[in-house]
Amino acid sequence: MDFESDELKKYTVIDENKLKVKKVVCKFCNHEFEAVGSKTICEICEKIQEI
């Protein structure tokens, strides 16, 4: 794979070690999981909620 190609440079590279992972408890089914960002989808009930 050519990592210097212009096609690959279009995409953003995310360093997973620097992400701010939060422990979230779903307000609908009380399932606890880790999430990143301001909105998430629960793995169990599949409802969208803001963190």
PDB file of N, CA and C in Angstrom:
ATOM      1  N   MET A   1       0.846  -1.178   0.000  1.00  0.00           N
ATOM      2  CA  MET A   1       0.000   0.000   0.000  1.00  0.00           C
ATOM      3  C   MET A   1       0.890   1.239   0.000  1.00  0.00           C
ATOM      4  N   ASP A   2       0.558   2.181  -0.833  1.00  0.00           N
ATOM      5  CA  ASP A   2       1.335   3.410  -0.946  1.00  0.00           C
ATOM      6  C   ASP A   2       0.761   4.460  -0.001  1.00  0.00           C
ATOM      7  N   PHE A   3       1.437   4.679   1.128  1.00  0.00           N
ATOM      8  CA  PHE A   3       0.947   5.608   2.139  1.00  0.00           C
ATOM      9  C   PHE A   3       1.171   7.065   1.758  1.00  0.00           C
ATOM     10  N   GLU A   4       1.957   7.304   0.735  1.00  0.00           N
ATOM     11  CA  GLU A   4       2.217   8.663   0.283  1.00  0.00           C
ATOM     12  C   GLU A   4       1.280   9.091  -0.847  1.00  0.00           C
ATOM     13  N   SER A   5       0.351   8.239  -1.238  1.00  0.00           N
ATOM     14  CA  SER A   5      -0.524   8.586  -2.369  1.00  0.00           C
ATOM     15  C   SER A   5      -1.509   9.684  -1.957  1.00  0.00           C
ATOM     16  N   ASP A   6      -1.918  10.471  -2.926  1.00  0.00           N
ATOM     17  CA  ASP A   6      -2.861  11.563  -2.671  1.00  0.00           C
ATOM     18  C   ASP A   6      -4.220  11.039  -2.248  1.00  0.00           C
ATOM     19  N   GLU A   7      -4.574   9.847  -2.685  1.00  0.00           N
ATOM     20  CA  GLU A   7      -5.871   9.264  -2.321  1.00  0.00           C
ATOM     21  C   GLU A   7      -5.955   9.029  -0.813  1.00  0.00           C
ATOM     22  N   LEU A   8      -4.898   8.518  -0.205  1.00  0.00           N
ATOM     23  CA  LEU A   8      -4.907   8.261   1.242  1.00  0.00           C
ATOM     24  C   LEU A   8      -4.803   9.541   2.060  1.00  0.00           C
ATOM     25  N   LYS A   9      -4.198  10.569   1.529  1.00  0.00           N
ATOM     26  CA  LYS A   9      -4.032  11.827   2.262  1.00  0.00           C
ATOM     27  C   LYS A   9      -5.353  12.579   2.433  1.00  0.00           C
ATOM     28  N   LYS A  10      -6.399  12.179   1.723  1.00  0.00           N
ATOM     29  CA  LYS A  10      -7.708  12.817   1.854  1.00  0.00           C
ATOM     30  C   LYS A  10      -8.365  12.503   3.187  1.00  0.00           C
ATOM     31  N   TYR A  11      -7.989  11.405   3.806  1.00  0.00           N
ATOM     32  CA  TYR A  11      -8.655  10.928   5.005  1.00  0.00           C
ATOM     33  C   TYR A  11      -7.917  11.372   6.269  1.00  0.00           C
ATOM     34  N   THR A  12      -8.641  11.543   7.334  1.00  0.00           N
ATOM     35  CA  THR A  12      -8.074  11.935   8.614  1.00  0.00           C
ATOM     36  C   THR A  12      -7.623  10.705   9.372  1.00  0.00           C
ATOM     37  N   VAL A  13      -6.438  10.770   9.931  1.00  0.00           N
ATOM     38  CA  VAL A  13      -5.913   9.680  10.746  1.00  0.00           C
ATOM     39  C   VAL A  13      -6.198  10.004  12.203  1.00  0.00           C
ATOM     40  N   ILE A  14      -6.803   9.066  12.921  1.00  0.00           N
ATOM     41  CA  ILE A  14      -7.161   9.268  14.326  1.00  0.00           C
ATOM     42  C   ILE A  14      -6.258   8.413  15.193  1.00  0.00           C
ATOM     43  N   ASP A  15      -5.624   9.050  16.171  1.00  0.00           N
ATOM     44  CA  ASP A  15      -4.798   8.324  17.128  1.00  0.00           C
ATOM     45  C   ASP A  15      -5.711   7.814  18.242  1.00  0.00           C
ATOM     46  N   GLU A  16      -5.986   6.526  18.248  1.00  0.00           N
ATOM     47  CA  GLU A  16      -6.921   5.946  19.202  1.00  0.00           C
ATOM     48  C   GLU A  16      -6.468   6.087  20.643  1.00  0.00           C
ATOM     49  N   ASN A  17      -5.178   6.222  20.882  1.00  0.00           N
ATOM     50  CA  ASN A  17      -4.658   6.357  22.243  1.00  0.00           C
ATOM     51  C   ASN A  17      -4.957   7.726  22.847  1.00  0.00           C
ATOM     52  N   LYS A  18      -5.229   8.724  22.011  1.00  0.00           N
ATOM     53  CA  LYS A  18      -5.485  10.069  22.511  1.00  0.00           C
ATOM     54  C   LYS A  18      -6.970  10.424  22.579  1.00  0.00           C
ATOM     55  N   LEU A  19      -7.845   9.503  22.225  1.00  0.00           N
ATOM     56  CA  LEU A  19      -9.283   9.765  22.302  1.00  0.00           C
ATOM     57  C   LEU A  19      -9.735   9.831  23.754  1.00  0.00           C
ATOM     58  N   LYS A  20     -10.674  10.713  24.036  1.00  0.00           N
ATOM     59  CA  LYS A  20     -11.225  10.827  25.382  1.00  0.00           C
ATOM     60  C   LYS A  20     -12.422   9.884  25.500  1.00  0.00           C
ATOM     61  N   VAL A  21     -12.173   8.697  26.023  1.00  0.00           N
ATOM     62  CA  VAL A  21     -13.205   7.675  26.160  1.00  0.00           C
ATOM     63  C   VAL A  21     -13.933   7.905  27.481  1.00  0.00           C
ATOM     64  N   LYS A  22     -15.263   7.889  27.422  1.00  0.00           N
ATOM     65  CA  LYS A  22     -16.090   8.118  28.607  1.00  0.00           C
ATOM     66  C   LYS A  22     -16.892   6.866  28.932  1.00  0.00           C
ATOM     67  N   LYS A  23     -17.092   6.603  30.208  1.00  0.00           N
ATOM     68  CA  LYS A  23     -18.008   5.550  30.639  1.00  0.00           C
ATOM     69  C   LYS A  23     -19.411   6.137  30.592  1.00  0.00           C
ATOM     70  N   VAL A  24     -20.299   5.480  29.877  1.00  0.00           N
ATOM     71  CA  VAL A  24     -21.657   5.977  29.683  1.00  0.00           C
ATOM     72  C   VAL A  24     -22.641   4.922  30.179  1.00  0.00           C
ATOM     73  N   VAL A  25     -23.694   5.373  30.864  1.00  0.00           N
ATOM     74  CA  VAL A  25     -24.792   4.495  31.259  1.00  0.00           C
ATOM     75  C   VAL A  25     -26.011   4.932  30.461  1.00  0.00           C
ATOM     76  N   CYS A  26     -26.580   4.010  29.703  1.00  0.00           N
ATOM     77  CA  CYS A  26     -27.752   4.327  28.881  1.00  0.00           C
ATOM     78  C   CYS A  26     -28.916   4.721  29.779  1.00  0.00           C
ATOM     79  N   LYS A  27     -29.539   5.849  29.458  1.00  0.00           N
ATOM     80  CA  LYS A  27     -30.659   6.318  30.277  1.00  0.00           C
ATOM     81  C   LYS A  27     -31.959   5.563  29.984  1.00  0.00           C
ATOM     82  N   PHE A  28     -31.948   4.728  28.951  1.00  0.00           N
ATOM     83  CA  PHE A  28     -33.138   3.967  28.604  1.00  0.00           C
ATOM     84  C   PHE A  28     -33.117   2.549  29.185  1.00  0.00           C
ATOM     85  N   CYS A  29     -31.942   1.864  29.109  1.00  0.00           N
ATOM     86  CA  CYS A  29     -31.892   0.466  29.562  1.00  0.00           C
ATOM     87  C   CYS A  29     -30.825   0.220  30.640  1.00  0.00           C
ATOM     88  N   ASN A  30     -30.109   1.273  31.077  1.00  0.00           N
ATOM     89  CA  ASN A  30     -29.082   1.212  32.121  1.00  0.00           C
ATOM     90  C   ASN A  30     -27.874   0.353  31.762  1.00  0.00           C
ATOM     91  N   HIS A  31     -27.642   0.105  30.486  1.00  0.00           N
ATOM     92  CA  HIS A  31     -26.457  -0.630  30.040  1.00  0.00           C
ATOM     93  C   HIS A  31     -25.246   0.300  30.120  1.00  0.00           C
ATOM     94  N   GLU A  32     -24.120  -0.190  30.659  1.00  0.00           N
ATOM     95  CA  GLU A  32     -22.910   0.616  30.783  1.00  0.00           C
ATOM     96  C   GLU A  32     -21.911   0.232  29.694  1.00  0.00           C
ATOM     97  N   PHE A  33     -21.361   1.254  29.005  1.00  0.00           N
ATOM     98  CA  PHE A  33     -20.395   1.014  27.939  1.00  0.00           C
ATOM     99  C   PHE A  33     -19.505   2.232  27.786  1.00  0.00           C
ATOM    100  N   GLU A  34     -18.445   2.115  26.986  1.00  0.00           N
ATOM    101  CA  GLU A  34     -17.532   3.217  26.725  1.00  0.00           C
ATOM    102  C   GLU A  34     -17.890   3.879  25.403  1.00  0.00           C
ATOM    103  N   ALA A  35     -17.741   5.214  25.354  1.00  0.00           N
ATOM    104  CA  ALA A  35     -18.103   5.933  24.139  1.00  0.00           C
ATOM    105  C   ALA A  35     -17.201   7.149  23.955  1.00  0.00           C
ATOM    106  N   VAL A  36     -17.171   7.651  22.724  1.00  0.00           N
ATOM    107  CA  VAL A  36     -16.418   8.850  22.358  1.00  0.00           C
ATOM    108  C   VAL A  36     -17.374   9.785  21.640  1.00  0.00           C
ATOM    109  N   GLY A  37     -17.320  11.062  21.955  1.00  0.00           N
ATOM    110  CA  GLY A  37     -18.145  12.039  21.255  1.00  0.00           C
ATOM    111  C   GLY A  37     -19.273  12.568  22.116  1.00  0.00           C
ATOM    112  N   SER A  38     -20.163  13.337  21.496  1.00  0.00           N
ATOM    113  CA  SER A  38     -21.259  13.957  22.238  1.00  0.00           C
ATOM    114  C   SER A  38     -22.573  13.193  22.104  1.00  0.00           C
ATOM    115  N   LYS A  39     -22.691  12.341  21.084  1.00  0.00           N
ATOM    116  CA  LYS A  39     -23.877  11.500  20.920  1.00  0.00           C
ATOM    117  C   LYS A  39     -23.430  10.064  20.720  1.00  0.00           C
ATOM    118  N   THR A  40     -24.237   9.135  21.178  1.00  0.00           N
ATOM    119  CA  THR A  40     -23.890   7.720  21.015  1.00  0.00           C
ATOM    120  C   THR A  40     -25.145   6.894  20.839  1.00  0.00           C
ATOM    121  N   ILE A  41     -24.977   5.688  20.330  1.00  0.00           N
ATOM    122  CA  ILE A  41     -26.073   4.732  20.176  1.00  0.00           C
ATOM    123  C   ILE A  41     -25.794   3.577  21.128  1.00  0.00           C
ATOM    124  N   CYS A  42     -26.761   3.250  21.965  1.00  0.00           N
ATOM    125  CA  CYS A  42     -26.615   2.145  22.908  1.00  0.00           C
ATOM    126  C   CYS A  42     -26.495   0.826  22.147  1.00  0.00           C
ATOM    127  N   GLU A  43     -25.585  -0.027  22.609  1.00  0.00           N
ATOM    128  CA  GLU A  43     -25.354  -1.321  21.954  1.00  0.00           C
ATOM    129  C   GLU A  43     -26.534  -2.270  22.149  1.00  0.00           C
ATOM    130  N   ILE A  44     -27.273  -2.130  23.233  1.00  0.00           N
ATOM    131  CA  ILE A  44     -28.360  -3.049  23.573  1.00  0.00           C
ATOM    132  C   ILE A  44     -29.696  -2.584  22.995  1.00  0.00           C
ATOM    133  N   CYS A  45     -30.149  -1.401  23.405  1.00  0.00           N
ATOM    134  CA  CYS A  45     -31.482  -0.931  22.970  1.00  0.00           C
ATOM    135  C   CYS A  45     -31.442  -0.132  21.674  1.00  0.00           C
ATOM    136  N   GLU A  46     -30.236   0.244  21.204  1.00  0.00           N
ATOM    137  CA  GLU A  46     -30.027   0.956  19.938  1.00  0.00           C
ATOM    138  C   GLU A  46     -30.722   2.308  19.861  1.00  0.00           C
ATOM    139  N   LYS A  47     -30.853   2.984  20.998  1.00  0.00           N
ATOM    140  CA  LYS A  47     -31.424   4.332  21.025  1.00  0.00           C
ATOM    141  C   LYS A  47     -30.305   5.351  21.083  1.00  0.00           C
ATOM    142  N   ILE A  48     -30.523   6.496  20.441  1.00  0.00           N
ATOM    143  CA  ILE A  48     -29.531   7.565  20.397  1.00  0.00           C
ATOM    144  C   ILE A  48     -29.703   8.444  21.622  1.00  0.00           C
ATOM    145  N   GLN A  49     -28.563   8.804  22.236  1.00  0.00           N
ATOM    146  CA  GLN A  49     -28.621   9.707  23.381  1.00  0.00           C
ATOM    147  C   GLN A  49     -27.419  10.642  23.365  1.00  0.00           C
ATOM    148  N   GLU A  50     -27.575  11.814  23.957  1.00  0.00           N
ATOM    149  CA  GLU A  50     -26.491  12.771  24.081  1.00  0.00           C
ATOM    150  C   GLU A  50     -25.759  12.490  25.388  1.00  0.00           C
ATOM    151  N   ILE A  51     -24.449  12.654  25.347  1.00  0.00           N
ATOM    152  CA  ILE A  51     -23.640  12.409  26.535  1.00  0.00           C
ATOM    153  C   ILE A  51     -23.417  13.713  27.271  1.00  0.00           C
TER     154      ILE A  51
END
